[in-house]
Amino acid sequence: MNACHGSDSPSSSARELEFFFPSSGPSRRNTAVFQDCTCCVIKPHAVKSGIAGKVISGITDAGFEVTAIEMFHMQKANAEEFYEVYKGVVQEYNGMVAELTSGPCIALEVRAQDAPKTFREMAGPADPEIARHLRPRTLRALFGTDKVCNAVHCTDLPEDGLL
């Protein structure tokens, strides 16, 4: 009934990591479904502050299915490409890129009927202050701090989930 496990040596750690997270082979499969999905990125400030679990719980408690998840560090060139549609459109663009590259992100494939639309509603307005007034139970209202550190990014077009 232990709460966690710690490896007793570096060799045990390597063996156990390979068991749970195989680096190759048939068990190293992608669980993404790529249908009725959208992409949600939990931003670095939320990961660093320890609320990523609460964000994920909020998503699943709202009836969404998380079918794939991966933590990664975004490189600046990738973040600029990812946010390209906002360049020259929102004044927070440079801050958004800086935030996305400031630490680990968690990307999720989120599934539901009409996922892009329904999940964007769940995420709430991009500005957490507005979200707290208009949609206080949304992810950004609950976990965001400002327009740049607004907890999550989510895609808005059906084809964006695939990308």
C-alpha atoms as a PDB file:
ATOM      1  CA  MET A   1       0.000   0.000   0.000  1.00  0.00           C
ATOM      2  CA  ASN A   2       2.961   2.342  -0.621  1.00  0.00           C
ATOM      3  CA  ALA A   3       2.218   5.679  -2.219  1.00  0.00           C
ATOM      4  CA  CYS A   4       5.205   5.562  -4.555  1.00  0.00           C
ATOM      5  CA  HIS A   5       8.225   3.549  -5.605  1.00  0.00           C
ATOM      6  CA  GLY A   6      11.851   4.592  -5.839  1.00  0.00           C
ATOM      7  CA  SER A   7      14.462   2.541  -7.640  1.00  0.00           C
ATOM      8  CA  ASP A   8      17.287   1.191  -5.470  1.00  0.00           C
ATOM      9  CA  SER A   9      20.056   1.659  -8.050  1.00  0.00           C
ATOM     10  CA  PRO A  10      20.744   3.323 -11.392  1.00  0.00           C
ATOM     11  CA  SER A  11      20.530  -0.052 -13.167  1.00  0.00           C
ATOM     12  CA  SER A  12      17.147  -0.803 -11.534  1.00  0.00           C
ATOM     13  CA  SER A  13      15.958   2.650 -12.506  1.00  0.00           C
ATOM     14  CA  ALA A  14      16.947   2.110 -16.155  1.00  0.00           C
ATOM     15  CA  ARG A  15      15.251  -1.321 -16.243  1.00  0.00           C
ATOM     16  CA  GLU A  16      12.056   0.015 -14.621  1.00  0.00           C
ATOM     17  CA  LEU A  17      11.892   3.054 -16.884  1.00  0.00           C
ATOM     18  CA  GLU A  18      12.272   0.838 -19.942  1.00  0.00           C
ATOM     19  CA  PHE A  19       9.505  -1.432 -18.627  1.00  0.00           C
ATOM     20  CA  PHE A  20       6.982   1.395 -18.136  1.00  0.00           C
ATOM     21  CA  PHE A  21       8.164   3.673 -20.945  1.00  0.00           C
ATOM     22  CA  PRO A  22       9.718   1.491 -23.660  1.00  0.00           C
ATOM     23  CA  SER A  23      12.038   3.320 -26.008  1.00  0.00           C
ATOM     24  CA  SER A  24      11.090   1.136 -28.993  1.00  0.00           C
ATOM     25  CA  GLY A  25       9.135  -1.884 -30.090  1.00  0.00           C
ATOM     26  CA  PRO A  26       5.419  -2.682 -30.386  1.00  0.00           C
ATOM     27  CA  SER A  27       4.616  -1.536 -26.853  1.00  0.00           C
ATOM     28  CA  ARG A  28       5.891   1.980 -27.720  1.00  0.00           C
ATOM     29  CA  ARG A  29       2.671   2.950 -29.405  1.00  0.00           C
ATOM     30  CA  ASN A  30       0.962   6.266 -29.679  1.00  0.00           C
ATOM     31  CA  THR A  31      -2.430   6.282 -27.982  1.00  0.00           C
ATOM     32  CA  ALA A  32      -3.665   9.289 -29.955  1.00  0.00           C
ATOM     33  CA  VAL A  33      -6.908   8.626 -31.804  1.00  0.00           C
ATOM     34  CA  PHE A  34      -6.921  11.691 -34.104  1.00  0.00           C
ATOM     35  CA  GLN A  35     -10.726  11.739 -34.372  1.00  0.00           C
ATOM     36  CA  ASP A  36     -13.167  14.082 -32.635  1.00  0.00           C
ATOM     37  CA  CYS A  37     -10.168  15.639 -30.923  1.00  0.00           C
ATOM     38  CA  THR A  38      -8.470  18.870 -30.105  1.00  0.00           C
ATOM     39  CA  CYS A  39      -5.054  19.697 -28.728  1.00  0.00           C
ATOM     40  CA  CYS A  40      -4.589  21.187 -25.284  1.00  0.00           C
ATOM     41  CA  VAL A  41      -1.199  22.419 -24.110  1.00  0.00           C
ATOM     42  CA  ILE A  42      -0.767  22.976 -20.397  1.00  0.00           C
ATOM     43  CA  LYS A  43       1.641  25.899 -20.279  1.00  0.00           C
ATOM     44  CA  PRO A  44       4.946  25.896 -18.382  1.00  0.00           C
ATOM     45  CA  HIS A  45       3.804  28.249 -15.607  1.00  0.00           C
ATOM     46  CA  ALA A  46       1.014  25.797 -14.734  1.00  0.00           C
ATOM     47  CA  VAL A  47       3.388  22.819 -14.834  1.00  0.00           C
ATOM     48  CA  LYS A  48       6.013  24.595 -12.692  1.00  0.00           C
ATOM     49  CA  SER A  49       3.441  25.724 -10.134  1.00  0.00           C
ATOM     50  CA  GLY A  50       2.226  22.144  -9.663  1.00  0.00           C
ATOM     51  CA  ILE A  51      -1.345  22.555 -10.914  1.00  0.00           C
ATOM     52  CA  ALA A  52      -1.109  20.419 -14.062  1.00  0.00           C
ATOM     53  CA  GLY A  53      -2.861  17.549 -12.261  1.00  0.00           C
ATOM     54  CA  LYS A  54      -5.721  19.847 -11.285  1.00  0.00           C
ATOM     55  CA  VAL A  55      -6.018  21.048 -14.878  1.00  0.00           C
ATOM     56  CA  ILE A  56      -6.160  17.458 -16.150  1.00  0.00           C
ATOM     57  CA  SER A  57      -8.692  16.523 -13.472  1.00  0.00           C
ATOM     58  CA  GLY A  58     -10.807  19.518 -14.492  1.00  0.00           C
ATOM     59  CA  ILE A  59     -10.736  18.322 -18.095  1.00  0.00           C
ATOM     60  CA  THR A  60     -11.730  14.740 -17.293  1.00  0.00           C
ATOM     61  CA  ASP A  61     -14.270  15.776 -14.646  1.00  0.00           C
ATOM     62  CA  ALA A  62     -15.985  17.863 -17.340  1.00  0.00           C
ATOM     63  CA  GLY A  63     -16.489  14.692 -19.410  1.00  0.00           C
ATOM     64  CA  PHE A  64     -13.608  15.025 -21.857  1.00  0.00           C
ATOM     65  CA  GLU A  65     -11.463  11.999 -22.659  1.00  0.00           C
ATOM     66  CA  VAL A  66      -7.671  12.369 -22.616  1.00  0.00           C
ATOM     67  CA  THR A  67      -6.362   9.825 -25.114  1.00  0.00           C
ATOM     68  CA  ALA A  68      -2.729  10.911 -25.377  1.00  0.00           C
ATOM     69  CA  ILE A  69      -0.414  12.952 -23.196  1.00  0.00           C
ATOM     70  CA  GLU A  70       3.232  13.940 -23.431  1.00  0.00           C
ATOM     71  CA  MET A  71       5.516  16.306 -21.556  1.00  0.00           C
ATOM     72  CA  PHE A  72       8.152  18.160 -23.564  1.00  0.00           C
ATOM     73  CA  HIS A  73      10.236  21.323 -23.787  1.00  0.00           C
ATOM     74  CA  MET A  74       9.336  23.597 -26.689  1.00  0.00           C
ATOM     75  CA  GLN A  75      12.183  25.153 -28.661  1.00  0.00           C
ATOM     76  CA  LYS A  76      11.836  28.828 -29.650  1.00  0.00           C
ATOM     77  CA  ALA A  77      11.587  28.132 -33.402  1.00  0.00           C
ATOM     78  CA  ASN A  78       8.806  25.592 -32.774  1.00  0.00           C
ATOM     79  CA  ALA A  79       6.953  27.961 -30.436  1.00  0.00           C
ATOM     80  CA  GLU A  80       7.144  30.751 -33.033  1.00  0.00           C
ATOM     81  CA  GLU A  81       5.735  28.417 -35.670  1.00  0.00           C
ATOM     82  CA  PHE A  82       3.075  27.109 -33.284  1.00  0.00           C
ATOM     83  CA  TYR A  83       1.904  30.660 -32.484  1.00  0.00           C
ATOM     84  CA  GLU A  84       2.472  32.020 -36.010  1.00  0.00           C
ATOM     85  CA  VAL A  85      -1.204  32.953 -36.470  1.00  0.00           C
ATOM     86  CA  TYR A  86      -0.910  35.374 -33.532  1.00  0.00           C
ATOM     87  CA  LYS A  87       2.208  37.198 -34.822  1.00  0.00           C
ATOM     88  CA  GLY A  88       1.306  40.796 -35.558  1.00  0.00           C
ATOM     89  CA  VAL A  89      -2.240  40.149 -34.321  1.00  0.00           C
ATOM     90  CA  VAL A  90      -1.877  40.135 -30.534  1.00  0.00           C
ATOM     91  CA  GLN A  91       0.590  42.301 -28.657  1.00  0.00           C
ATOM     92  CA  GLU A  92       1.318  39.420 -26.276  1.00  0.00           C
ATOM     93  CA  TYR A  93       2.899  37.320 -29.073  1.00  0.00           C
ATOM     94  CA  ASN A  94       6.513  37.627 -27.819  1.00  0.00           C
ATOM     95  CA  GLY A  95       5.408  36.928 -24.256  1.00  0.00           C
ATOM     96  CA  MET A  96       3.435  33.902 -25.433  1.00  0.00           C
ATOM     97  CA  VAL A  97       6.518  32.495 -27.192  1.00  0.00           C
ATOM     98  CA  ALA A  98       8.693  33.211 -24.145  1.00  0.00           C
ATOM     99  CA  GLU A  99       6.192  31.484 -21.838  1.00  0.00           C
ATOM    100  CA  LEU A 100       5.873  28.404 -24.048  1.00  0.00           C
ATOM    101  CA  THR A 101       9.674  27.999 -24.064  1.00  0.00           C
ATOM    102  CA  SER A 102      10.215  28.758 -20.364  1.00  0.00           C
ATOM    103  CA  GLY A 103       9.887  25.182 -19.117  1.00  0.00           C
ATOM    104  CA  PRO A 104       8.104  21.895 -19.652  1.00  0.00           C
ATOM    105  CA  CYS A 105       4.699  21.834 -21.369  1.00  0.00           C
ATOM    106  CA  ILE A 106       2.183  19.028 -21.341  1.00  0.00           C
ATOM    107  CA  ALA A 107       0.329  18.325 -24.579  1.00  0.00           C
ATOM    108  CA  LEU A 108      -2.912  16.373 -24.497  1.00  0.00           C
ATOM    109  CA  GLU A 109      -5.185  14.937 -27.124  1.00  0.00           C
ATOM    110  CA  VAL A 110      -8.646  15.743 -25.782  1.00  0.00           C
ATOM    111  CA  ARG A 111     -11.671  13.981 -27.241  1.00  0.00           C
ATOM    112  CA  ALA A 112     -15.369  14.745 -27.185  1.00  0.00           C
ATOM    113  CA  GLN A 113     -18.175  15.349 -29.597  1.00  0.00           C
ATOM    114  CA  ASP A 114     -17.343  18.604 -31.429  1.00  0.00           C
ATOM    115  CA  ALA A 115     -14.145  18.719 -29.345  1.00  0.00           C
ATOM    116  CA  PRO A 116     -12.604  21.960 -30.693  1.00  0.00           C
ATOM    117  CA  LYS A 117     -15.728  23.978 -29.897  1.00  0.00           C
ATOM    118  CA  THR A 118     -16.692  22.352 -26.610  1.00  0.00           C
ATOM    119  CA  PHE A 119     -13.151  22.332 -25.260  1.00  0.00           C
ATOM    120  CA  ARG A 120     -12.586  25.995 -26.133  1.00  0.00           C
ATOM    121  CA  GLU A 121     -15.717  26.744 -24.118  1.00  0.00           C
ATOM    122  CA  MET A 122     -14.257  24.718 -21.240  1.00  0.00           C
ATOM    123  CA  ALA A 123     -10.929  26.589 -21.510  1.00  0.00           C
ATOM    124  CA  GLY A 124     -12.699  29.949 -21.347  1.00  0.00           C
ATOM    125  CA  PRO A 125     -11.708  33.411 -22.571  1.00  0.00           C
ATOM    126  CA  ALA A 126      -7.974  33.914 -23.186  1.00  0.00           C
ATOM    127  CA  ASP A 127      -7.802  36.636 -20.533  1.00  0.00           C
ATOM    128  CA  PRO A 128      -8.247  34.960 -17.114  1.00  0.00           C
ATOM    129  CA  GLU A 129      -9.568  38.182 -15.587  1.00  0.00           C
ATOM    130  CA  ILE A 130     -12.397  38.294 -18.134  1.00  0.00           C
ATOM    131  CA  ALA A 131     -12.880  34.536 -17.701  1.00  0.00           C
ATOM    132  CA  ARG A 132     -13.299  34.961 -13.927  1.00  0.00           C
ATOM    133  CA  HIS A 133     -16.135  37.443 -14.532  1.00  0.00           C
ATOM    134  CA  LEU A 134     -17.888  35.778 -17.473  1.00  0.00           C
ATOM    135  CA  ARG A 135     -17.041  32.062 -17.123  1.00  0.00           C
ATOM    136  CA  PRO A 136     -15.714  31.502 -13.577  1.00  0.00           C
ATOM    137  CA  ARG A 137     -15.622  27.680 -13.783  1.00  0.00           C
ATOM    138  CA  THR A 138     -13.402  27.541 -16.887  1.00  0.00           C
ATOM    139  CA  LEU A 139      -9.773  26.378 -16.834  1.00  0.00           C
ATOM    140  CA  ARG A 140      -8.372  29.838 -17.493  1.00  0.00           C
ATOM    141  CA  ALA A 141     -10.551  31.436 -14.814  1.00  0.00           C
ATOM    142  CA  LEU A 142      -9.460  28.840 -12.278  1.00  0.00           C
ATOM    143  CA  PHE A 143      -5.789  28.445 -13.169  1.00  0.00           C
ATOM    144  CA  GLY A 144      -4.681  31.399 -15.296  1.00  0.00           C
ATOM    145  CA  THR A 145      -2.936  34.518 -14.057  1.00  0.00           C
ATOM    146  CA  ASP A 146      -2.865  36.793 -17.127  1.00  0.00           C
ATOM    147  CA  LYS A 147      -3.229  36.716 -20.937  1.00  0.00           C
ATOM    148  CA  VAL A 148       0.165  35.029 -21.381  1.00  0.00           C
ATOM    149  CA  CYS A 149       0.090  32.725 -18.349  1.00  0.00           C
ATOM    150  CA  ASN A 150      -3.490  31.601 -18.872  1.00  0.00           C
ATOM    151  CA  ALA A 151      -2.924  27.928 -17.983  1.00  0.00           C
ATOM    152  CA  VAL A 152      -3.756  26.297 -21.319  1.00  0.00           C
ATOM    153  CA  HIS A 153      -3.608  26.739 -25.042  1.00  0.00           C
ATOM    154  CA  CYS A 154      -6.211  24.948 -27.116  1.00  0.00           C
ATOM    155  CA  THR A 155      -6.720  24.592 -30.823  1.00  0.00           C
ATOM    156  CA  ASP A 156      -9.836  25.950 -32.464  1.00  0.00           C
ATOM    157  CA  LEU A 157     -10.156  24.164 -35.813  1.00  0.00           C
ATOM    158  CA  PRO A 158     -10.949  20.457 -36.285  1.00  0.00           C
ATOM    159  CA  GLU A 159      -7.796  19.896 -38.389  1.00  0.00           C
ATOM    160  CA  ASP A 160      -5.572  21.508 -35.726  1.00  0.00           C
ATOM    161  CA  GLY A 161      -5.960  18.502 -33.420  1.00  0.00           C
ATOM    162  CA  LEU A 162      -4.233  16.371 -36.054  1.00  0.00           C
ATOM    163  CA  LEU A 163      -1.440  18.887 -36.475  1.00  0.00           C
END
